[in-house]
Amino acid sequence: MTTAPTGTPATQLLHLVFGGELNSLSKIEFSDLSKLDIVGIYPNYAEAHKAWKAAAQRTVDNAHMRYFIVHMHKLLNPETGKES
């Protein structure tokens, strides 16, 4: 777990970064689910954004390739959007 500037532990808000090739640019439907690129799970949005940006840059020549950041902490605790 990372620490906040005050020395107290920072809240861990998990984020998943993944991507794949879309069938069409007009909707989010992947052409082959077995070829999804699971980049990783990150402890905060800032780290996830770095990973997302790097993955997107690697595939910039393929217009149908898209990467996404999923806020897993909101799925784990949908009432507050934070982990318990």
PDB file of N, CA and C in Angstrom:
ATOM      1  N   MET A   1       0.849  -1.173   0.000  1.00  0.00           N
ATOM      2  CA  MET A   1       0.000   0.000   0.000  1.00  0.00           C
ATOM      3  C   MET A   1       0.896   1.238   0.000  1.00  0.00           C
ATOM      4  N   THR A   2       0.516   2.248  -0.756  1.00  0.00           N
ATOM      5  CA  THR A   2       1.279   3.485  -0.791  1.00  0.00           C
ATOM      6  C   THR A   2       0.957   4.328   0.437  1.00  0.00           C
ATOM      7  N   THR A   3       1.817   5.292   0.713  1.00  0.00           N
ATOM      8  CA  THR A   3       1.543   6.166   1.844  1.00  0.00           C
ATOM      9  C   THR A   3       1.277   7.577   1.365  1.00  0.00           C
ATOM     10  N   ALA A   4       0.386   8.229   2.059  1.00  0.00           N
ATOM     11  CA  ALA A   4       0.048   9.615   1.769  1.00  0.00           C
ATOM     12  C   ALA A   4       1.182  10.505   2.264  1.00  0.00           C
ATOM     13  N   PRO A   5       1.248  11.756   1.812  1.00  0.00           N
ATOM     14  CA  PRO A   5       2.325  12.650   2.233  1.00  0.00           C
ATOM     15  C   PRO A   5       2.455  12.800   3.751  1.00  0.00           C
ATOM     16  N   THR A   6       1.388  12.635   4.487  1.00  0.00           N
ATOM     17  CA  THR A   6       1.433  12.795   5.941  1.00  0.00           C
ATOM     18  C   THR A   6       2.009  11.570   6.636  1.00  0.00           C
ATOM     19  N   GLY A   7       2.315  10.513   5.887  1.00  0.00           N
ATOM     20  CA  GLY A   7       2.842   9.297   6.480  1.00  0.00           C
ATOM     21  C   GLY A   7       1.772   8.278   6.817  1.00  0.00           C
ATOM     22  N   THR A   8       0.504   8.632   6.635  1.00  0.00           N
ATOM     23  CA  THR A   8      -0.584   7.696   6.877  1.00  0.00           C
ATOM     24  C   THR A   8      -0.829   6.886   5.608  1.00  0.00           C
ATOM     25  N   PRO A   9      -1.277   5.644   5.739  1.00  0.00           N
ATOM     26  CA  PRO A   9      -1.522   4.827   4.547  1.00  0.00           C
ATOM     27  C   PRO A   9      -2.586   5.458   3.642  1.00  0.00           C
ATOM     28  N   ALA A  10      -2.318   5.454   2.347  1.00  0.00           N
ATOM     29  CA  ALA A  10      -3.284   5.962   1.372  1.00  0.00           C
ATOM     30  C   ALA A  10      -4.363   4.904   1.140  1.00  0.00           C
ATOM     31  N   THR A  11      -5.559   5.343   0.801  1.00  0.00           N
ATOM     32  CA  THR A  11      -6.640   4.418   0.502  1.00  0.00           C
ATOM     33  C   THR A  11      -6.340   3.701  -0.812  1.00  0.00           C
ATOM     34  N   GLN A  12      -6.503   2.408  -0.816  1.00  0.00           N
ATOM     35  CA  GLN A  12      -6.255   1.615  -2.012  1.00  0.00           C
ATOM     36  C   GLN A  12      -7.540   1.542  -2.829  1.00  0.00           C
ATOM     37  N   LEU A  13      -7.529   2.140  -4.001  1.00  0.00           N
ATOM     38  CA  LEU A  13      -8.683   2.113  -4.904  1.00  0.00           C
ATOM     39  C   LEU A  13      -8.252   1.392  -6.177  1.00  0.00           C
ATOM     40  N   LEU A  14      -8.600   0.116  -6.269  1.00  0.00           N
ATOM     41  CA  LEU A  14      -8.128  -0.720  -7.372  1.00  0.00           C
ATOM     42  C   LEU A  14      -8.720  -0.322  -8.721  1.00  0.00           C
ATOM     43  N   HIS A  15      -7.863  -0.371  -9.750  1.00  0.00           N
ATOM     44  CA  HIS A  15      -8.261  -0.069 -11.121  1.00  0.00           C
ATOM     45  C   HIS A  15      -7.685  -1.132 -12.047  1.00  0.00           C
ATOM     46  N   LEU A  16      -8.497  -1.629 -12.972  1.00  0.00           N
ATOM     47  CA  LEU A  16      -8.090  -2.613 -13.972  1.00  0.00           C
ATOM     48  C   LEU A  16      -7.886  -1.907 -15.306  1.00  0.00           C
ATOM     49  N   VAL A  17      -6.783  -2.210 -15.977  1.00  0.00           N
ATOM     50  CA  VAL A  17      -6.528  -1.673 -17.313  1.00  0.00           C
ATOM     51  C   VAL A  17      -6.524  -2.850 -18.282  1.00  0.00           C
ATOM     52  N   PHE A  18      -7.352  -2.753 -19.320  1.00  0.00           N
ATOM     53  CA  PHE A  18      -7.402  -3.814 -20.327  1.00  0.00           C
ATOM     54  C   PHE A  18      -7.806  -3.206 -21.663  1.00  0.00           C
ATOM     55  N   GLY A  19      -7.624  -3.979 -22.717  1.00  0.00           N
ATOM     56  CA  GLY A  19      -8.005  -3.488 -24.034  1.00  0.00           C
ATOM     57  C   GLY A  19      -8.103  -4.605 -25.037  1.00  0.00           C
ATOM     58  N   GLY A  20      -8.518  -4.234 -26.222  1.00  0.00           N
ATOM     59  CA  GLY A  20      -8.646  -5.189 -27.308  1.00  0.00           C
ATOM     60  C   GLY A  20      -9.129  -4.499 -28.561  1.00  0.00           C
ATOM     61  N   GLU A  21      -9.191  -5.270 -29.611  1.00  0.00           N
ATOM     62  CA  GLU A  21      -9.621  -4.739 -30.907  1.00  0.00           C
ATOM     63  C   GLU A  21     -11.144  -4.773 -31.002  1.00  0.00           C
ATOM     64  N   LEU A  22     -11.717  -3.644 -31.380  1.00  0.00           N
ATOM     65  CA  LEU A  22     -13.167  -3.528 -31.500  1.00  0.00           C
ATOM     66  C   LEU A  22     -13.633  -3.940 -32.897  1.00  0.00           C
ATOM     67  N   ASN A  23     -14.869  -4.463 -32.969  1.00  0.00           N
ATOM     68  CA  ASN A  23     -15.479  -4.778 -34.267  1.00  0.00           C
ATOM     69  C   ASN A  23     -15.740  -3.511 -35.074  1.00  0.00           C
ATOM     70  N   SER A  24     -16.168  -2.479 -34.378  1.00  0.00           N
ATOM     71  CA  SER A  24     -16.577  -1.233 -35.006  1.00  0.00           C
ATOM     72  C   SER A  24     -16.199  -0.080 -34.095  1.00  0.00           C
ATOM     73  N   LEU A  25     -15.939   1.068 -34.672  1.00  0.00           N
ATOM     74  CA  LEU A  25     -15.615   2.243 -33.866  1.00  0.00           C
ATOM     75  C   LEU A  25     -16.850   2.856 -33.227  1.00  0.00           C
ATOM     76  N   SER A  26     -18.042   2.411 -33.624  1.00  0.00           N
ATOM     77  CA  SER A  26     -19.280   3.008 -33.121  1.00  0.00           C
ATOM     78  C   SER A  26     -19.817   2.367 -31.833  1.00  0.00           C
ATOM     79  N   LYS A  27     -19.252   1.222 -31.425  1.00  0.00           N
ATOM     80  CA  LYS A  27     -19.716   0.595 -30.187  1.00  0.00           C
ATOM     81  C   LYS A  27     -18.589  -0.220 -29.564  1.00  0.00           C
ATOM     82  N   ILE A  28     -18.734  -0.507 -28.280  1.00  0.00           N
ATOM     83  CA  ILE A  28     -17.722  -1.290 -27.572  1.00  0.00           C
ATOM     84  C   ILE A  28     -18.107  -2.759 -27.635  1.00  0.00           C
ATOM     85  N   GLU A  29     -17.612  -3.409 -28.654  1.00  0.00           N
ATOM     86  CA  GLU A  29     -17.795  -4.848 -28.839  1.00  0.00           C
ATOM     87  C   GLU A  29     -16.488  -5.378 -29.410  1.00  0.00           C
ATOM     88  N   PHE A  30     -15.846  -6.286 -28.665  1.00  0.00           N
ATOM     89  CA  PHE A  30     -14.532  -6.774 -29.050  1.00  0.00           C
ATOM     90  C   PHE A  30     -14.628  -7.842 -30.137  1.00  0.00           C
ATOM     91  N   SER A  31     -13.672  -7.822 -31.052  1.00  0.00           N
ATOM     92  CA  SER A  31     -13.689  -8.765 -32.167  1.00  0.00           C
ATOM     93  C   SER A  31     -13.321 -10.185 -31.721  1.00  0.00           C
ATOM     94  N   ASP A  32     -12.461 -10.337 -30.707  1.00  0.00           N
ATOM     95  CA  ASP A  32     -12.072 -11.660 -30.225  1.00  0.00           C
ATOM     96  C   ASP A  32     -11.747 -11.566 -28.739  1.00  0.00           C
ATOM     97  N   LEU A  33     -12.651 -12.039 -27.904  1.00  0.00           N
ATOM     98  CA  LEU A  33     -12.469 -11.951 -26.457  1.00  0.00           C
ATOM     99  C   LEU A  33     -11.244 -12.720 -25.968  1.00  0.00           C
ATOM    100  N   SER A  34     -10.841 -13.756 -26.689  1.00  0.00           N
ATOM    101  CA  SER A  34      -9.671 -14.532 -26.268  1.00  0.00           C
ATOM    102  C   SER A  34      -8.371 -13.748 -26.470  1.00  0.00           C
ATOM    103  N   LYS A  35      -8.435 -12.650 -27.191  1.00  0.00           N
ATOM    104  CA  LYS A  35      -7.238 -11.844 -27.441  1.00  0.00           C
ATOM    105  C   LYS A  35      -7.231 -10.531 -26.661  1.00  0.00           C
ATOM    106  N   LEU A  36      -8.085 -10.425 -25.631  1.00  0.00           N
ATOM    107  CA  LEU A  36      -8.062  -9.214 -24.805  1.00  0.00           C
ATOM    108  C   LEU A  36      -6.704  -9.097 -24.126  1.00  0.00           C
ATOM    109  N   ASP A  37      -6.215  -7.892 -24.043  1.00  0.00           N
ATOM    110  CA  ASP A  37      -4.938  -7.606 -23.389  1.00  0.00           C
ATOM    111  C   ASP A  37      -5.230  -7.101 -21.979  1.00  0.00           C
ATOM    112  N   ILE A  38      -4.992  -7.955 -20.981  1.00  0.00           N
ATOM    113  CA  ILE A  38      -5.169  -7.562 -19.588  1.00  0.00           C
ATOM    114  C   ILE A  38      -3.834  -6.952 -19.153  1.00  0.00           C
ATOM    115  N   VAL A  39      -3.786  -5.636 -19.103  1.00  0.00           N
ATOM    116  CA  VAL A  39      -2.544  -4.932 -18.781  1.00  0.00           C
ATOM    117  C   VAL A  39      -2.193  -5.125 -17.314  1.00  0.00           C
ATOM    118  N   GLY A  40      -3.183  -4.970 -16.415  1.00  0.00           N
ATOM    119  CA  GLY A  40      -2.917  -5.176 -15.005  1.00  0.00           C
ATOM    120  C   GLY A  40      -3.912  -4.493 -14.100  1.00  0.00           C
ATOM    121  N   ILE A  41      -3.712  -4.693 -12.803  1.00  0.00           N
ATOM    122  CA  ILE A  41      -4.530  -4.075 -11.762  1.00  0.00           C
ATOM    123  C   ILE A  41      -3.612  -3.144 -10.976  1.00  0.00           C
ATOM    124  N   TYR A  42      -4.083  -1.928 -10.732  1.00  0.00           N
ATOM    125  CA  TYR A  42      -3.267  -0.876 -10.126  1.00  0.00           C
ATOM    126  C   TYR A  42      -3.937  -0.325  -8.873  1.00  0.00           C
ATOM    127  N   PRO A  43      -3.141   0.169  -7.908  1.00  0.00           N
ATOM    128  CA  PRO A  43      -3.672   0.587  -6.618  1.00  0.00           C
ATOM    129  C   PRO A  43      -4.359   1.948  -6.616  1.00  0.00           C
ATOM    130  N   ASN A  44      -4.230   2.697  -7.703  1.00  0.00           N
ATOM    131  CA  ASN A  44      -4.859   4.017  -7.771  1.00  0.00           C
ATOM    132  C   ASN A  44      -5.016   4.436  -9.225  1.00  0.00           C
ATOM    133  N   TYR A  45      -5.798   5.484  -9.442  1.00  0.00           N
ATOM    134  CA  TYR A  45      -6.079   5.926 -10.798  1.00  0.00           C
ATOM    135  C   TYR A  45      -4.830   6.432 -11.509  1.00  0.00           C
ATOM    136  N   ALA A  46      -3.962   7.131 -10.795  1.00  0.00           N
ATOM    137  CA  ALA A  46      -2.760   7.691 -11.415  1.00  0.00           C
ATOM    138  C   ALA A  46      -1.886   6.595 -12.031  1.00  0.00           C
ATOM    139  N   GLU A  47      -1.684   5.505 -11.295  1.00  0.00           N
ATOM    140  CA  GLU A  47      -0.876   4.389 -11.821  1.00  0.00           C
ATOM    141  C   GLU A  47      -1.586   3.705 -12.982  1.00  0.00           C
ATOM    142  N   ALA A  48      -2.904   3.549 -12.870  1.00  0.00           N
ATOM    143  CA  ALA A  48      -3.678   2.936 -13.952  1.00  0.00           C
ATOM    144  C   ALA A  48      -3.624   3.794 -15.211  1.00  0.00           C
ATOM    145  N   HIS A  49      -3.683   5.091 -15.048  1.00  0.00           N
ATOM    146  CA  HIS A  49      -3.645   5.996 -16.195  1.00  0.00           C
ATOM    147  C   HIS A  49      -2.300   5.899 -16.915  1.00  0.00           C
ATOM    148  N   LYS A  50      -1.213   5.787 -16.165  1.00  0.00           N
ATOM    149  CA  LYS A  50       0.114   5.613 -16.783  1.00  0.00           C
ATOM    150  C   LYS A  50       0.148   4.346 -17.627  1.00  0.00           C
ATOM    151  N   ALA A  51      -0.382   3.250 -17.074  1.00  0.00           N
ATOM    152  CA  ALA A  51      -0.398   1.970 -17.786  1.00  0.00           C
ATOM    153  C   ALA A  51      -1.303   2.037 -19.007  1.00  0.00           C
ATOM    154  N   TRP A  52      -2.457   2.680 -18.864  1.00  0.00           N
ATOM    155  CA  TRP A  52      -3.386   2.846 -19.979  1.00  0.00           C
ATOM    156  C   TRP A  52      -2.726   3.627 -21.120  1.00  0.00           C
ATOM    157  N   LYS A  53      -2.074   4.712 -20.770  1.00  0.00           N
ATOM    158  CA  LYS A  53      -1.440   5.563 -21.774  1.00  0.00           C
ATOM    159  C   LYS A  53      -0.330   4.805 -22.514  1.00  0.00           C
ATOM    160  N   ALA A  54       0.470   4.054 -21.789  1.00  0.00           N
ATOM    161  CA  ALA A  54       1.543   3.275 -22.411  1.00  0.00           C
ATOM    162  C   ALA A  54       0.976   2.223 -23.362  1.00  0.00           C
ATOM    163  N   ALA A  55      -0.076   1.523 -22.932  1.00  0.00           N
ATOM    164  CA  ALA A  55      -0.688   0.493 -23.778  1.00  0.00           C
ATOM    165  C   ALA A  55      -1.312   1.112 -25.022  1.00  0.00           C
ATOM    166  N   ALA A  56      -1.991   2.225 -24.853  1.00  0.00           N
ATOM    167  CA  ALA A  56      -2.622   2.903 -25.987  1.00  0.00           C
ATOM    168  C   ALA A  56      -1.565   3.390 -26.986  1.00  0.00           C
ATOM    169  N   GLN A  57      -0.451   3.877 -26.489  1.00  0.00           N
ATOM    170  CA  GLN A  57       0.621   4.353 -27.372  1.00  0.00           C
ATOM    171  C   GLN A  57       1.233   3.213 -28.177  1.00  0.00           C
ATOM    172  N   ARG A  58       1.329   2.020 -27.583  1.00  0.00           N
ATOM    173  CA  ARG A  58       1.891   0.863 -28.298  1.00  0.00           C
ATOM    174  C   ARG A  58       1.025   0.456 -29.477  1.00  0.00           C
ATOM    175  N   THR A  59      -0.271   0.761 -29.436  1.00  0.00           N
ATOM    176  CA  THR A  59      -1.200   0.301 -30.482  1.00  0.00           C
ATOM    177  C   THR A  59      -1.785   1.463 -31.285  1.00  0.00           C
ATOM    178  N   VAL A  60      -1.107   2.586 -31.285  1.00  0.00           N
ATOM    179  CA  VAL A  60      -1.637   3.797 -31.914  1.00  0.00           C
ATOM    180  C   VAL A  60      -1.894   3.614 -33.422  1.00  0.00           C
ATOM    181  N   ASP A  61      -1.213   2.689 -34.068  1.00  0.00           N
ATOM    182  CA  ASP A  61      -1.396   2.473 -35.509  1.00  0.00           C
ATOM    183  C   ASP A  61      -2.653   1.681 -35.854  1.00  0.00           C
ATOM    184  N   ASN A  62      -3.309   1.087 -34.860  1.00  0.00           N
ATOM    185  CA  ASN A  62      -4.525   0.308 -35.095  1.00  0.00           C
ATOM    186  C   ASN A  62      -5.720   1.098 -34.553  1.00  0.00           C
ATOM    187  N   ALA A  63      -6.498   1.683 -35.443  1.00  0.00           N
ATOM    188  CA  ALA A  63      -7.628   2.537 -35.043  1.00  0.00           C
ATOM    189  C   ALA A  63      -8.710   1.766 -34.281  1.00  0.00           C
ATOM    190  N   HIS A  64      -8.784   0.461 -34.454  1.00  0.00           N
ATOM    191  CA  HIS A  64      -9.817  -0.330 -33.774  1.00  0.00           C
ATOM    192  C   HIS A  64      -9.389  -0.814 -32.390  1.00  0.00           C
ATOM    193  N   MET A  65      -8.154  -0.583 -32.026  1.00  0.00           N
ATOM    194  CA  MET A  65      -7.652  -1.014 -30.725  1.00  0.00           C
ATOM    195  C   MET A  65      -8.006   0.027 -29.673  1.00  0.00           C
ATOM    196  N   ARG A  66      -8.602  -0.410 -28.557  1.00  0.00           N
ATOM    197  CA  ARG A  66      -8.992   0.496 -27.484  1.00  0.00           C
ATOM    198  C   ARG A  66      -8.611  -0.096 -26.136  1.00  0.00           C
ATOM    199  N   TYR A  67      -8.181   0.771 -25.248  1.00  0.00           N
ATOM    200  CA  TYR A  67      -7.868   0.383 -23.875  1.00  0.00           C
ATOM    201  C   TYR A  67      -8.790   1.133 -22.936  1.00  0.00           C
ATOM    202  N   PHE A  68      -9.095   0.501 -21.798  1.00  0.00           N
ATOM    203  CA  PHE A  68     -10.049   1.045 -20.846  1.00  0.00           C
ATOM    204  C   PHE A  68      -9.500   0.936 -19.429  1.00  0.00           C
ATOM    205  N   ILE A  69      -9.974   1.836 -18.571  1.00  0.00           N
ATOM    206  CA  ILE A  69      -9.687   1.765 -17.140  1.00  0.00           C
ATOM    207  C   ILE A  69     -11.013   1.481 -16.438  1.00  0.00           C
ATOM    208  N   VAL A  70     -11.057   0.377 -15.700  1.00  0.00           N
ATOM    209  CA  VAL A  70     -12.250   0.000 -14.941  1.00  0.00           C
ATOM    210  C   VAL A  70     -11.993   0.318 -13.470  1.00  0.00           C
ATOM    211  N   HIS A  71     -12.886   1.055 -12.857  1.00  0.00           N
ATOM    212  CA  HIS A  71     -12.786   1.408 -11.450  1.00  0.00           C
ATOM    213  C   HIS A  71     -13.295   0.228 -10.621  1.00  0.00           C
ATOM    214  N   MET A  72     -12.408  -0.712 -10.343  1.00  0.00           N
ATOM    215  CA  MET A  72     -12.805  -1.927  -9.624  1.00  0.00           C
ATOM    216  C   MET A  72     -13.316  -1.625  -8.224  1.00  0.00           C
ATOM    217  N   HIS A  73     -12.802  -0.594  -7.594  1.00  0.00           N
ATOM    218  CA  HIS A  73     -13.243  -0.258  -6.237  1.00  0.00           C
ATOM    219  C   HIS A  73     -14.726   0.084  -6.215  1.00  0.00           C
ATOM    220  N   LYS A  74     -15.257   0.596  -7.321  1.00  0.00           N
ATOM    221  CA  LYS A  74     -16.692   0.896  -7.392  1.00  0.00           C
ATOM    222  C   LYS A  74     -17.510  -0.382  -7.544  1.00  0.00           C
ATOM    223  N   LEU A  75     -16.924  -1.401  -8.158  1.00  0.00           N
ATOM    224  CA  LEU A  75     -17.611  -2.681  -8.297  1.00  0.00           C
ATOM    225  C   LEU A  75     -17.580  -3.464  -6.988  1.00  0.00           C
ATOM    226  N   LEU A  76     -16.490  -3.316  -6.228  1.00  0.00           N
ATOM    227  CA  LEU A  76     -16.353  -4.033  -4.964  1.00  0.00           C
ATOM    228  C   LEU A  76     -17.285  -3.489  -3.892  1.00  0.00           C
ATOM    229  N   ASN A  77     -17.559  -2.177  -3.952  1.00  0.00           N
ATOM    230  CA  ASN A  77     -18.450  -1.547  -2.985  1.00  0.00           C
ATOM    231  C   ASN A  77     -19.257  -0.471  -3.710  1.00  0.00           C
ATOM    232  N   PRO A  78     -20.307  -0.881  -4.439  1.00  0.00           N
ATOM    233  CA  PRO A  78     -21.040   0.061  -5.282  1.00  0.00           C
ATOM    234  C   PRO A  78     -21.767   1.176  -4.520  1.00  0.00           C
ATOM    235  N   GLU A  79     -22.017   0.979  -3.236  1.00  0.00           N
ATOM    236  CA  GLU A  79     -22.741   2.007  -2.481  1.00  0.00           C
ATOM    237  C   GLU A  79     -21.907   3.270  -2.259  1.00  0.00           C
ATOM    238  N   THR A  80     -20.608   3.088  -2.013  1.00  0.00           N
ATOM    239  CA  THR A  80     -19.759   4.246  -1.748  1.00  0.00           C
ATOM    240  C   THR A  80     -18.687   4.451  -2.812  1.00  0.00           C
ATOM    241  N   GLY A  81     -18.397   3.417  -3.600  1.00  0.00           N
ATOM    242  CA  GLY A  81     -17.328   3.509  -4.579  1.00  0.00           C
ATOM    243  C   GLY A  81     -15.957   3.311  -3.979  1.00  0.00           C
ATOM    244  N   LYS A  82     -15.897   2.975  -2.696  1.00  0.00           N
ATOM    245  CA  LYS A  82     -14.631   2.751  -2.005  1.00  0.00           C
ATOM    246  C   LYS A  82     -14.627   1.363  -1.391  1.00  0.00           C
ATOM    247  N   GLU A  83     -13.423   0.861  -1.165  1.00  0.00           N
ATOM    248  CA  GLU A  83     -13.298  -0.434  -0.492  1.00  0.00           C
ATOM    249  C   GLU A  83     -13.579  -0.263   0.986  1.00  0.00           C
ATOM    250  N   SER A  84     -14.071  -1.310   1.593  1.00  0.00           N
ATOM    251  CA  SER A  84     -14.326  -1.279   3.037  1.00  0.00           C
ATOM    252  C   SER A  84     -13.049  -1.392   3.799  1.00  0.00           C
TER     253      SER A  84
END
